[in-house]
C-alpha atoms as a PDB file:
ATOM      1  CA  LEU A   1     145.493 155.523 167.854  1.00  0.00           C
ATOM      2  CA  VAL A   2     142.736 153.111 168.957  1.00  0.00           C
ATOM      3  CA  ARG A   3     142.300 155.556 172.214  1.00  0.00           C
ATOM      4  CA  ASN A   4     142.629 158.871 169.973  1.00  0.00           C
ATOM      5  CA  SER A   5     140.213 157.339 166.996  1.00  0.00           C
ATOM      6  CA  PRO A   6     137.077 160.227 166.804  1.00  0.00           C
ATOM      7  CA  ARG A   7     134.962 157.461 165.282  1.00  0.00           C
ATOM      8  CA  GLY A   8     135.667 155.101 168.302  1.00  0.00           C
ATOM      9  CA  ALA A   9     138.072 152.904 169.354  1.00  0.00           C
ATOM     10  CA  LYS A  10     135.902 149.517 168.913  1.00  0.00           C
ATOM     11  CA  GLU A  11     136.339 150.016 164.942  1.00  0.00           C
ATOM     12  CA  LEU A  12     140.027 150.192 165.122  1.00  0.00           C
ATOM     13  CA  ARG A  13     140.546 146.978 167.505  1.00  0.00           C
ATOM     14  CA  GLY A  14     141.129 143.875 165.589  1.00  0.00           C
ATOM     15  CA  PRO A  15     143.689 141.557 164.551  1.00  0.00           C
ATOM     16  CA  MET A  16     145.538 144.573 162.220  1.00  0.00           C
ATOM     17  CA  THR A  17     146.308 146.670 165.300  1.00  0.00           C
ATOM     18  CA  LYS A  18     148.562 143.866 166.821  1.00  0.00           C
ATOM     19  CA  ARG A  19     150.145 143.766 164.143  1.00  0.00           C
ATOM     20  CA  PHE A  20     150.600 146.753 162.751  1.00  0.00           C
ATOM     21  CA  GLY A  21     151.453 149.434 165.236  1.00  0.00           C
ATOM     22  CA  PRO A  22     151.504 153.644 164.723  1.00  0.00           C
ATOM     23  CA  ARG A  23     155.098 153.066 163.645  1.00  0.00           C
ATOM     24  CA  GLU A  24     154.555 150.337 161.172  1.00  0.00           C
ATOM     25  CA  THR A  25     151.493 151.994 159.384  1.00  0.00           C
ATOM     26  CA  ARG A  26     153.203 154.943 159.349  1.00  0.00           C
ATOM     27  CA  ALA A  27     156.083 153.631 157.658  1.00  0.00           C
ATOM     28  CA  PHE A  28     153.775 151.688 155.183  1.00  0.00           C
ATOM     29  CA  PHE A  29     152.204 154.659 153.759  1.00  0.00           C
ATOM     30  CA  GLU A  30     155.272 156.752 153.640  1.00  0.00           C
ATOM     31  CA  ASP A  31     157.046 153.769 152.054  1.00  0.00           C
ATOM     32  CA  MET A  32     153.324 153.917 149.098  1.00  0.00           C
ATOM     33  CA  GLY A  33     154.365 157.377 148.617  1.00  0.00           C
ATOM     34  CA  VAL A  34     151.876 159.377 151.124  1.00  0.00           C
ATOM     35  CA  THR A  35     153.329 162.286 152.769  1.00  0.00           C
ATOM     36  CA  LEU A  36     151.973 162.530 156.115  1.00  0.00           C
ATOM     37  CA  LYS A  37     151.507 165.206 158.844  1.00  0.00           C
ATOM     38  CA  THR A  38     150.714 165.169 162.410  1.00  0.00           C
ATOM     39  CA  GLU A  39     148.255 167.262 163.900  1.00  0.00           C
ATOM     40  CA  ALA A  40     148.613 169.059 167.599  1.00  0.00           C
ATOM     41  CA  ASP A  41     146.674 166.624 169.406  1.00  0.00           C
ATOM     42  CA  GLY A  42     148.715 163.805 167.760  1.00  0.00           C
ATOM     43  CA  ARG A  43     146.294 162.482 164.921  1.00  0.00           C
ATOM     44  CA  VAL A  44     148.093 162.249 161.609  1.00  0.00           C
ATOM     45  CA  PHE A  45     146.705 162.766 158.150  1.00  0.00           C
ATOM     46  CA  PRO A  46     147.842 162.314 154.366  1.00  0.00           C
ATOM     47  CA  THR A  47     149.085 166.353 153.616  1.00  0.00           C
ATOM     48  CA  THR A  48     146.495 166.176 150.614  1.00  0.00           C
ATOM     49  CA  ASP A  49     143.918 166.202 153.272  1.00  0.00           C
ATOM     50  CA  ASP A  50     141.773 163.915 151.267  1.00  0.00           C
ATOM     51  CA  SER A  51     141.180 160.311 152.241  1.00  0.00           C
ATOM     52  CA  ALA A  52     141.078 159.297 148.462  1.00  0.00           C
ATOM     53  CA  THR A  53     145.190 159.566 149.008  1.00  0.00           C
ATOM     54  CA  ILE A  54     144.890 156.626 151.816  1.00  0.00           C
ATOM     55  CA  VAL A  55     142.528 154.787 149.337  1.00  0.00           C
ATOM     56  CA  ASP A  56     144.724 155.035 146.172  1.00  0.00           C
ATOM     57  CA  ALA A  57     147.568 153.895 147.981  1.00  0.00           C
ATOM     58  CA  LEU A  58     145.755 150.737 149.788  1.00  0.00           C
ATOM     59  CA  GLU A  59     144.549 149.755 146.015  1.00  0.00           C
ATOM     60  CA  ARG A  60     148.204 150.414 144.714  1.00  0.00           C
ATOM     61  CA  ALA A  61     149.477 148.422 147.730  1.00  0.00           C
ATOM     62  CA  ALA A  62     146.818 145.342 146.909  1.00  0.00           C
ATOM     63  CA  ALA A  63     147.801 145.532 143.249  1.00  0.00           C
ATOM     64  CA  GLU A  64     151.668 145.228 143.645  1.00  0.00           C
ATOM     65  CA  ALA A  65     150.847 142.165 145.807  1.00  0.00           C
ATOM     66  CA  GLY A  66     148.617 140.521 143.681  1.00  0.00           C
ATOM     67  CA  VAL A  67     145.445 140.770 145.125  1.00  0.00           C
ATOM     68  CA  GLU A  68     142.658 139.901 143.383  1.00  0.00           C
ATOM     69  CA  VAL A  69     139.540 142.494 143.884  1.00  0.00           C
ATOM     70  CA  ALA A  70     136.111 141.050 142.582  1.00  0.00           C
ATOM     71  CA  PHE A  71     133.628 143.365 142.673  1.00  0.00           C
ATOM     72  CA  LYS A  72     129.793 142.099 142.389  1.00  0.00           C
ATOM     73  CA  SER A  73     130.669 138.491 143.918  1.00  0.00           C
ATOM     74  CA  GLY A  74     129.146 136.507 146.948  1.00  0.00           C
ATOM     75  CA  VAL A  75     131.517 134.822 149.654  1.00  0.00           C
ATOM     76  CA  ARG A  76     130.840 131.270 149.998  1.00  0.00           C
ATOM     77  CA  ARG A  77     133.873 131.094 152.508  1.00  0.00           C
ATOM     78  CA  VAL A  78     136.632 132.531 153.785  1.00  0.00           C
ATOM     79  CA  ASP A  79     140.071 130.498 154.214  1.00  0.00           C
ATOM     80  CA  PRO A  80     142.948 130.702 156.570  1.00  0.00           C
ATOM     81  CA  GLY A  81     144.923 133.387 155.431  1.00  0.00           C
ATOM     82  CA  PHE A  82     141.988 135.662 153.844  1.00  0.00           C
ATOM     83  CA  ARG A  83     141.825 133.884 151.007  1.00  0.00           C
ATOM     84  CA  VAL A  84     138.231 134.029 149.728  1.00  0.00           C
END
């Protein structure tokens, strides 16, 4: 995934890629109801070809997990576990 990113690998490296590999990521989105397709070069996209499909799935997963999203709010500190 990181090697084949058209926008560069640096942005995709970090804690998430160590915990969630390509199989886990694909399974997550499929479990969220996103139908995926694989291009000839191995890249994976929603069959809608619309990035909003991915955003909607992430927002839905966050809501189901009880994540509180605060807009126009400053961050004073970040505690372990990404609690802000």
